[in-house]
């Protein structure tokens, strides 16, 4: 590696001496992977099974590639402004405002905040429901529904509030390892019911409603500024970490989609509505699966919860022009993030679930598709400032144009679905 591949060196104090923080690629990889792998992976086949295995597999790969290109474009823009400003932390709001102006940044900020709060509400509600379901196995211990989100926020929110960044990174890496191990167990237990004949069915037109769900499931772009800071602006390490971190959930999505669609007749037997989570938890032919599903779901939610909390924290620091989280401002920042989410998750989370179904795809199409392409175009071809010697995405104007067109197409599909409903 050349010494000038990184823009700065992160230093830490050890035994009254300054030393460079060691390579953090593993932390960056697990942050990307953990943010992407939410509990939605288990329910994804509910959207893909009308189309069949081959259409959903091809579409998942295309959506993953689209998300990867968008993330690399965001990283490219982020490192550009890190270089121009000399600051190691450049959030999304500053990136958009510096590149496209304040009005566009205001719109992007609104979409960003809505998406993050909606997902945090969903994670607290779902994670809390899993906790209360596990504790309620004892009939002598009835628990109110509001207690679940409170317990989830206390455990995982408390970890983020009290833990230092390195400690949280270690916990996140452990959680990702648990997710992968339990996922392998799920594949092993449920794979015995796979019928290869079920994988032949194809209905390509039926895949369009699932595209927006796939985009939500494969969204991790909120942690890209965190990754670029962790890796000190080193473009090679950034590209490697985003690629590896996004491939892990893609492989998990593809394998799980194949297993469920291959065993759909046995899982959905006697049911008018196919719900993979319910089918797995209530399948008497697979003993012990219910506990594995619960453990996987809880820690998958926890890893996404950590990623989206960091993403929103990074955004708020940028919006309020605060450089660092200190003991003096730590409580106000985390209160702004957790208290509204906890309140809505205990009162009426269904409002945000419904809104997310419709607005999630719009927010992600803008934040994870249109804006990265337009910002990269502006900096590459319209900026008077010197551009980076290396770019993370080849293809020039053609690729950037395709990114915008595909994002607009996803929005059109979602609008058509809303009108049809």
Protein backbone atom coordinates (compact mmCIF):
# COMPACT_ATOMS: atom_id res chain seq x y z
CA UNK A 1 0.00 0.00 0.00
CA UNK A 2 1.25 3.47 -0.80
CA UNK A 3 1.47 5.87 2.10
CA UNK A 4 -0.75 8.43 0.38
CA UNK A 5 -3.65 6.00 -0.15
CA UNK A 6 -5.18 7.26 3.09
CA UNK A 7 -6.03 10.90 3.77
CA UNK A 8 -5.20 10.85 7.47
CA UNK A 9 -4.22 8.53 10.31
CA UNK A 10 -6.52 7.81 13.23
CA UNK A 11 -4.61 7.94 16.49
CA UNK A 12 -5.31 6.43 19.88
CA UNK A 13 -3.74 7.00 23.29
CA UNK A 14 -2.12 3.94 24.85
CA UNK A 15 0.18 4.17 27.90
CA UNK A 16 0.49 7.93 27.45
CA UNK A 17 1.68 7.47 23.88
CA UNK A 18 -0.04 8.15 20.59
CA UNK A 19 -0.28 5.19 18.24
CA UNK A 20 -2.05 4.63 14.95
CA UNK A 21 -5.33 2.73 15.15
CA UNK A 22 -4.84 -0.71 13.49
CA UNK A 23 -6.52 -1.76 10.24
CA UNK A 24 -10.32 -1.59 10.66
CA UNK A 25 -11.45 -3.36 7.52
CA UNK A 26 -13.07 -6.20 9.49
CA UNK A 27 -15.08 -3.67 11.50
CA UNK A 28 -16.16 -1.92 8.28
CA UNK A 29 -17.16 -5.21 6.65
CA UNK A 30 -19.26 -6.30 9.63
CA UNK A 31 -20.88 -2.86 9.86
CA UNK A 32 -22.01 -3.03 6.22
CA UNK A 33 -23.10 -6.68 6.49
CA UNK A 34 -24.83 -6.21 9.82
CA UNK A 35 -26.70 -3.12 8.68
CA UNK A 36 -27.97 -4.98 5.60
CA UNK A 37 -28.99 -8.25 7.25
CA UNK A 38 -32.19 -7.36 9.07
CA UNK A 39 -35.01 -9.68 10.01
CA UNK A 40 -36.58 -8.84 6.64
CA UNK A 41 -34.44 -11.55 5.06
CA UNK A 42 -36.74 -14.18 6.55
CA UNK A 43 -39.91 -12.59 5.21
CA UNK A 44 -38.50 -11.71 1.78
CA UNK A 45 -39.77 -14.97 0.15
CA UNK A 46 -43.31 -13.84 0.95
CA UNK A 47 -42.79 -11.19 -1.75
CA UNK A 48 -40.72 -13.26 -4.18
CA UNK A 49 -42.65 -16.55 -4.25
CA UNK A 50 -45.33 -15.34 -6.74
CA UNK A 51 -42.52 -14.80 -9.30
CA UNK A 52 -40.56 -17.97 -8.62
CA UNK A 53 -36.94 -18.84 -7.97
CA UNK A 54 -35.19 -17.77 -11.18
CA UNK A 55 -36.85 -14.32 -11.58
CA UNK A 56 -36.30 -13.47 -7.91
CA UNK A 57 -32.67 -14.66 -7.98
CA UNK A 58 -31.82 -12.61 -11.07
CA UNK A 59 -33.60 -9.55 -9.67
CA UNK A 60 -31.85 -9.84 -6.30
CA UNK A 61 -28.45 -9.89 -8.02
CA UNK A 62 -29.36 -6.87 -10.17
CA UNK A 63 -30.63 -4.91 -7.14
CA UNK A 64 -27.48 -5.84 -5.18
CA UNK A 65 -25.28 -4.62 -8.05
CA UNK A 66 -27.28 -1.39 -8.23
CA UNK A 67 -26.92 -0.86 -4.47
CA UNK A 68 -23.19 -1.60 -4.67
CA UNK A 69 -22.61 0.96 -7.43
CA UNK A 70 -24.62 3.56 -5.50
CA UNK A 71 -22.64 2.91 -2.31
CA UNK A 72 -19.31 3.22 -4.13
CA UNK A 73 -20.47 6.48 -5.70
CA UNK A 74 -21.40 7.79 -2.26
CA UNK A 75 -17.97 6.80 -0.97
CA UNK A 76 -16.31 8.51 -3.92
CA UNK A 77 -18.19 11.75 -3.24
CA UNK A 78 -17.55 11.48 0.49
CA UNK A 79 -13.79 11.07 0.06
CA UNK A 80 -13.77 13.97 -2.43
CA UNK A 81 -15.22 16.33 0.17
CA UNK A 82 -12.98 14.92 2.90
CA UNK A 83 -10.03 15.83 0.71
CA UNK A 84 -11.41 19.28 -0.15
CA UNK A 85 -12.36 20.24 3.41
CA UNK A 86 -9.56 18.52 5.31
CA UNK A 87 -12.12 17.06 7.72
CA UNK A 88 -12.27 13.32 8.53
CA UNK A 89 -16.05 13.31 9.06
CA UNK A 90 -18.30 14.46 6.22
CA UNK A 91 -21.95 13.48 6.58
CA UNK A 92 -24.57 13.02 3.90
CA UNK A 93 -26.15 16.43 4.48
CA UNK A 94 -22.84 18.24 3.93
CA UNK A 95 -22.10 16.13 0.86
CA UNK A 96 -25.43 17.01 -0.77
CA UNK A 97 -25.33 20.68 0.25
CA UNK A 98 -21.76 21.19 -0.96
CA UNK A 99 -22.47 19.43 -4.25
CA UNK A 100 -26.08 20.28 -5.15
CA UNK A 101 -27.08 23.17 -2.89
CA UNK A 102 -29.11 23.69 0.27
CA UNK A 103 -32.65 23.15 -1.16
CA UNK A 104 -31.74 19.68 -2.42
CA UNK A 105 -29.98 18.95 0.88
CA UNK A 106 -33.16 19.87 2.77
CA UNK A 107 -35.24 17.41 0.73
CA UNK A 108 -32.62 14.70 1.11
CA UNK A 109 -32.41 15.36 4.84
CA UNK A 110 -36.15 14.95 5.25
CA UNK A 111 -36.14 11.64 3.40
CA UNK A 112 -33.14 10.45 5.38
CA UNK A 113 -34.63 11.29 8.78
CA UNK A 114 -38.01 9.74 7.95
CA UNK A 115 -36.46 6.51 6.69
CA UNK A 116 -34.20 6.11 9.72
CA UNK A 117 -36.83 6.84 12.33
CA UNK A 118 -39.29 4.52 10.58
CA UNK A 119 -36.77 1.69 10.55
CA UNK A 120 -35.74 2.27 14.17
CA UNK A 121 -39.41 2.13 15.18
CA UNK A 122 -39.79 -1.12 13.25
CA UNK A 123 -36.63 -2.64 14.76
CA UNK A 124 -37.63 -1.73 18.32
CA UNK A 125 -41.14 -3.11 17.81
CA UNK A 126 -40.01 -6.35 16.15
CA UNK A 127 -37.06 -6.89 18.48
CA UNK A 128 -39.26 -6.20 21.49
CA UNK A 129 -41.93 -8.62 20.26
CA UNK A 130 -39.35 -11.41 20.03
CA UNK A 131 -38.17 -10.71 23.60
CA UNK A 132 -41.68 -10.69 25.08
CA UNK A 133 -42.63 -13.82 23.13
CA UNK A 134 -39.64 -15.64 24.60
CA UNK A 135 -40.34 -14.42 28.14
CA UNK A 136 -44.06 -15.16 27.86
CA UNK A 137 -43.47 -18.90 27.48
CA UNK A 138 -44.19 -19.03 31.21
CA UNK A 139 -48.01 -18.64 31.57
CA UNK A 140 -47.52 -17.28 35.09
CA UNK A 141 -45.58 -14.31 33.75
CA UNK A 142 -47.88 -12.25 31.53
CA UNK A 143 -46.05 -9.30 30.01
CA UNK A 144 -47.54 -6.12 28.49
CA UNK A 145 -46.72 -5.45 24.83
CA UNK A 146 -45.05 -2.11 25.58
CA UNK A 147 -42.41 -3.83 27.72
CA UNK A 148 -40.75 -5.51 24.71
CA UNK A 149 -39.58 -2.36 22.88
CA UNK A 150 -38.46 -0.89 26.22
CA UNK A 151 -36.32 -3.96 26.98
CA UNK A 152 -34.87 -3.99 23.46
CA UNK A 153 -34.01 -0.28 23.62
CA UNK A 154 -32.53 -0.68 27.11
CA UNK A 155 -30.24 -3.55 26.10
CA UNK A 156 -29.06 -2.57 22.64
CA UNK A 157 -29.58 1.19 22.98
CA UNK A 158 -27.74 1.04 26.29
CA UNK A 159 -24.84 -0.73 24.58
CA UNK A 160 -24.58 2.08 22.03
CA UNK A 161 -24.90 4.82 24.65
CA UNK A 162 -22.48 3.47 27.26
CA UNK A 163 -20.07 1.55 25.04
CA UNK A 164 -17.07 3.05 23.34
CA UNK A 165 -16.87 2.75 19.57
CA UNK A 166 -14.31 -0.08 19.68
CA UNK A 167 -16.42 -2.04 22.17
CA UNK A 168 -19.55 -1.59 20.06
CA UNK A 169 -17.59 -2.71 16.99
CA UNK A 170 -16.55 -5.90 18.80
CA UNK A 171 -20.12 -6.60 19.90
CA UNK A 172 -21.38 -5.92 16.37
CA UNK A 173 -18.85 -8.36 14.92
CA UNK A 174 -19.99 -10.96 17.48
CA UNK A 175 -23.64 -10.35 16.61
CA UNK A 176 -22.90 -10.78 12.90
CA UNK A 177 -21.12 -14.06 13.67
CA UNK A 178 -24.19 -15.25 15.63
CA UNK A 179 -26.44 -14.25 12.72
CA UNK A 180 -24.33 -16.23 10.26
CA UNK A 181 -24.15 -19.32 12.52
CA UNK A 182 -27.87 -19.37 13.21
CA UNK A 183 -28.56 -18.75 9.54
CA UNK A 184 -26.48 -21.80 8.61
CA UNK A 185 -28.48 -23.77 11.19
CA UNK A 186 -31.73 -22.54 9.61
CA UNK A 187 -30.55 -23.68 6.20
CA UNK A 188 -29.56 -27.09 7.58
CA UNK A 189 -32.84 -27.66 9.43
CA UNK A 190 -35.21 -26.41 6.74
CA UNK A 191 -33.19 -27.55 3.71
CA UNK A 192 -34.34 -31.13 4.20
CA UNK A 193 -37.78 -30.18 2.87
CA UNK A 194 -36.56 -28.64 -0.38
CA UNK A 195 -38.12 -30.08 -3.54
CA UNK A 196 -36.07 -29.11 -6.64
CA UNK A 197 -39.24 -29.26 -8.72
CA UNK A 198 -40.58 -26.24 -6.84
CA UNK A 199 -37.73 -24.13 -8.23
CA UNK A 200 -38.81 -24.54 -11.86
CA UNK A 201 -41.85 -22.24 -11.63
CA UNK A 202 -41.37 -18.80 -13.27
CA UNK A 203 -43.60 -15.73 -13.51
CA UNK A 204 -41.41 -12.79 -14.51
CA UNK A 205 -44.11 -10.04 -14.48
CA UNK A 206 -44.90 -10.88 -10.83
CA UNK A 207 -41.44 -9.82 -9.65
CA UNK A 208 -41.98 -6.06 -10.04
CA UNK A 209 -43.74 -5.50 -6.66
CA UNK A 210 -40.79 -7.16 -4.90
CA UNK A 211 -38.18 -4.77 -6.33
CA UNK A 212 -38.85 -1.98 -3.82
CA UNK A 213 -38.77 -4.49 -0.95
CA UNK A 214 -35.39 -5.76 -2.17
CA UNK A 215 -34.07 -2.20 -2.28
CA UNK A 216 -35.14 -1.64 1.33
CA UNK A 217 -33.60 -4.98 2.36
CA UNK A 218 -30.28 -4.23 0.63
CA UNK A 219 -29.94 -0.64 1.88
CA UNK A 220 -26.77 0.07 3.88
CA UNK A 221 -25.74 3.40 2.35
CA UNK A 222 -26.31 5.30 5.58
CA UNK A 223 -23.11 3.81 7.05
CA UNK A 224 -20.91 4.62 4.03
CA UNK A 225 -19.63 7.90 5.60
CA UNK A 226 -18.81 5.94 8.77
CA UNK A 227 -16.88 3.38 6.70
CA UNK A 228 -14.88 6.04 4.83
CA UNK A 229 -13.89 7.61 8.15
CA UNK A 230 -12.98 4.26 9.72
CA UNK A 231 -10.75 3.47 6.73
CA UNK A 232 -9.14 6.92 6.66
CA UNK A 233 -10.29 7.76 3.13
CA UNK A 234 -8.31 4.86 1.61
CA UNK A 235 -10.25 4.18 -1.60
CA UNK A 236 -8.86 0.67 -2.07
CA UNK A 237 -9.84 -0.44 1.42
CA UNK A 238 -13.21 1.28 1.13
CA UNK A 239 -14.09 -0.50 -2.12
CA UNK A 240 -12.93 -3.85 -0.73
CA UNK A 241 -14.90 -3.48 2.52
CA UNK A 242 -18.14 -2.38 0.84
CA UNK A 243 -17.88 -5.17 -1.71
CA UNK A 244 -17.22 -7.93 0.83
CA UNK A 245 -19.68 -6.51 3.36
CA UNK A 246 -22.48 -6.45 0.78
CA UNK A 247 -21.70 -9.87 -0.75
CA UNK A 248 -22.27 -11.63 2.59
CA UNK A 249 -25.96 -10.60 2.89
CA UNK A 250 -26.49 -11.17 -0.85
CA UNK A 251 -25.40 -14.81 -0.51
CA UNK A 252 -27.60 -15.20 2.57
CA UNK A 253 -30.59 -13.71 0.73
CA UNK A 254 -30.08 -15.97 -2.29
CA UNK A 255 -29.67 -19.15 -0.23
CA UNK A 256 -32.65 -18.41 1.98
CA UNK A 257 -34.82 -17.51 -0.99
CA UNK A 258 -33.92 -20.82 -2.66
CA UNK A 259 -34.60 -22.90 0.46
CA UNK A 260 -38.00 -21.32 1.16
CA UNK A 261 -39.20 -21.32 -2.46
CA UNK A 262 -38.02 -24.91 -2.79
CA UNK A 263 -40.08 -26.02 0.21
CA UNK A 264 -42.99 -23.64 -0.13
CA UNK A 265 -45.66 -26.33 -0.66
CA UNK A 266 -44.87 -28.08 2.63
CA UNK A 267 -44.47 -24.87 4.61
CA UNK A 268 -47.60 -23.17 3.25
CA UNK A 269 -49.82 -26.25 3.30
CA UNK A 270 -53.30 -25.41 4.56
CA UNK A 271 -52.59 -21.67 4.67
CA UNK A 272 -54.22 -19.03 2.47
CA UNK A 273 -51.48 -16.46 3.16
CA UNK A 274 -47.84 -17.49 3.04
CA UNK A 275 -45.81 -16.07 5.93
CA UNK A 276 -42.32 -17.62 6.16
CA UNK A 277 -41.75 -16.55 9.76
CA UNK A 278 -45.02 -18.01 11.02
CA UNK A 279 -44.56 -21.15 8.92
CA UNK A 280 -41.12 -21.80 10.37
CA UNK A 281 -42.08 -21.12 13.96
CA UNK A 282 -45.13 -23.38 13.83
CA UNK A 283 -43.70 -26.24 11.74
CA UNK A 284 -43.93 -29.33 13.97
CA UNK A 285 -41.75 -31.37 11.59
CA UNK A 286 -38.71 -29.22 12.44
CA UNK A 287 -38.16 -29.35 16.23
CA UNK A 288 -36.06 -26.58 17.70
CA UNK A 289 -36.49 -24.35 14.66
CA UNK A 290 -38.63 -21.81 16.49
CA UNK A 291 -35.79 -20.96 18.91
CA UNK A 292 -33.25 -20.72 16.08
CA UNK A 293 -35.55 -18.39 14.13
CA UNK A 294 -36.00 -16.19 17.20
CA UNK A 295 -32.25 -15.97 17.91
CA UNK A 296 -31.47 -15.22 14.27
CA UNK A 297 -34.19 -12.59 14.03
CA UNK A 298 -33.21 -10.84 17.27
CA UNK A 299 -29.54 -10.49 16.42
CA UNK A 300 -30.25 -9.63 12.78
CA UNK A 301 -32.45 -6.81 14.06
CA UNK A 302 -29.75 -5.78 16.55
CA UNK A 303 -27.05 -5.46 13.88
CA UNK A 304 -29.32 -3.36 11.67
CA UNK A 305 -30.35 -1.31 14.70
CA UNK A 306 -26.68 -0.51 15.40
CA UNK A 307 -26.02 0.47 11.79
CA UNK A 308 -29.03 2.73 11.46
CA UNK A 309 -28.39 4.35 14.84
CA UNK A 310 -24.86 5.18 13.75
CA UNK A 311 -26.19 6.47 10.43
CA UNK A 312 -28.69 8.79 12.12
CA UNK A 313 -26.12 9.88 14.70
CA UNK A 314 -23.70 10.77 11.92
CA UNK A 315 -26.46 12.71 10.14
CA UNK A 316 -27.43 14.67 13.28
CA UNK A 317 -23.79 15.57 13.97
CA UNK A 318 -23.55 16.87 10.43
CA UNK A 319 -26.86 18.78 10.57
CA UNK A 320 -26.04 20.41 13.92
CA UNK A 321 -22.40 20.99 12.91
CA UNK A 322 -21.00 19.03 15.85
CA UNK A 323 -17.61 17.41 15.26
CA UNK A 324 -17.56 14.79 18.01
CA UNK A 325 -19.81 13.08 20.54
CA UNK A 326 -18.57 14.06 23.99
CA UNK A 327 -19.77 13.18 27.51
CA UNK A 328 -21.49 16.57 27.59
CA UNK A 329 -23.59 16.15 24.42
CA UNK A 330 -23.94 12.34 24.41
CA UNK A 331 -27.25 12.20 26.29
CA UNK A 332 -29.03 14.84 24.14
CA UNK A 333 -27.94 13.16 20.89
CA UNK A 334 -29.02 9.67 21.88
CA UNK A 335 -32.24 10.99 23.40
CA UNK A 336 -33.16 12.61 20.08
CA UNK A 337 -32.60 9.27 18.36
CA UNK A 338 -34.11 6.79 20.82
CA UNK A 339 -36.97 8.52 22.63
CA UNK A 340 -39.20 9.28 19.59
CA UNK A 341 -38.55 5.81 18.16
CA UNK A 342 -39.29 4.13 21.48
CA UNK A 343 -42.46 6.16 21.98
CA UNK A 344 -43.86 5.27 18.56
CA UNK A 345 -42.85 1.60 18.82
CA UNK A 346 -44.79 1.25 22.07
CA UNK A 347 -47.84 3.30 21.04
CA UNK A 348 -48.62 2.48 17.41
CA UNK A 349 -45.79 1.12 15.28
CA UNK A 350 -48.20 0.00 12.55
CA UNK A 351 -48.48 3.59 11.35
CA UNK A 352 -44.81 3.61 10.45
CA UNK A 353 -44.88 0.08 9.02
CA UNK A 354 -47.59 1.18 6.58
CA UNK A 355 -45.79 4.40 5.73
CA UNK A 356 -42.54 2.54 5.20
CA UNK A 357 -44.20 0.19 2.71
CA UNK A 358 -44.95 3.17 0.47
CA UNK A 359 -42.35 5.81 1.33
CA UNK A 360 -39.41 3.51 2.01
CA UNK A 361 -38.88 2.78 -1.66
CA UNK A 362 -39.15 6.48 -2.54
CA UNK A 363 -36.63 7.49 0.14
CA UNK A 364 -34.17 4.77 -0.81
CA UNK A 365 -34.54 5.41 -4.55
CA UNK A 366 -33.56 9.03 -3.91
CA UNK A 367 -30.91 8.49 -1.23
CA UNK A 368 -29.46 5.27 -2.60
CA UNK A 369 -29.77 5.85 -6.32
CA UNK A 370 -30.53 9.28 -7.74
CA UNK A 371 -28.47 11.46 -5.38
CA UNK A 372 -25.21 9.45 -5.52
CA UNK A 373 -25.30 9.42 -9.34
CA UNK A 374 -26.11 13.11 -9.68
CA UNK A 375 -23.47 14.14 -7.13
CA UNK A 376 -20.82 12.02 -8.83
CA UNK A 377 -21.80 13.49 -12.22
CA UNK A 378 -21.54 17.02 -10.84
CA UNK A 379 -18.12 16.46 -9.30
CA UNK A 380 -16.69 14.53 -12.23
CA UNK A 381 -17.91 16.69 -15.11
CA UNK A 382 -19.09 20.05 -13.75
CA UNK A 383 -16.81 20.86 -10.82
CA UNK A 384 -13.95 23.32 -11.16
CA UNK A 385 -12.14 21.75 -8.19
CA UNK A 386 -9.53 19.10 -8.94
CA UNK A 387 -11.12 15.65 -8.94
CA UNK A 388 -9.76 12.54 -7.33
CA UNK A 389 -7.09 10.70 -9.28
CA UNK A 390 -9.09 7.49 -8.90
CA UNK A 391 -12.81 6.81 -9.09
CA UNK A 392 -14.55 3.85 -7.52
CA UNK A 393 -17.05 3.21 -10.34
CA UNK A 394 -16.05 2.88 -14.01
CA UNK A 395 -18.35 3.49 -16.96
CA UNK A 396 -18.49 7.28 -17.01
CA UNK A 397 -21.69 9.11 -17.93
CA UNK A 398 -23.44 5.97 -19.16
CA UNK A 399 -23.42 4.23 -15.76
CA UNK A 400 -24.47 7.40 -13.94
CA UNK A 401 -27.37 7.90 -16.36
CA UNK A 402 -28.50 4.30 -16.00
CA UNK A 403 -28.50 4.69 -12.20
CA UNK A 404 -30.91 7.63 -12.37
CA UNK A 405 -33.18 5.94 -14.94
CA UNK A 406 -33.46 2.75 -12.88
CA UNK A 407 -34.28 4.69 -9.70
CA UNK A 408 -37.05 6.57 -11.51
CA UNK A 409 -38.35 3.24 -12.83
CA UNK A 410 -38.56 1.84 -9.27
CA UNK A 411 -40.53 4.89 -8.16
CA UNK A 412 -42.88 4.43 -11.14
CA UNK A 413 -43.41 0.76 -10.21
CA UNK A 414 -44.22 1.73 -6.63
CA UNK A 415 -46.68 4.40 -7.78
CA UNK A 416 -48.40 1.89 -10.05
CA UNK A 417 -48.65 -0.57 -7.14
CA UNK A 418 -50.17 2.11 -4.90
CA UNK A 419 -52.74 3.04 -7.54
CA UNK A 420 -53.63 -0.61 -8.10
CA UNK A 421 -54.26 -1.07 -4.39
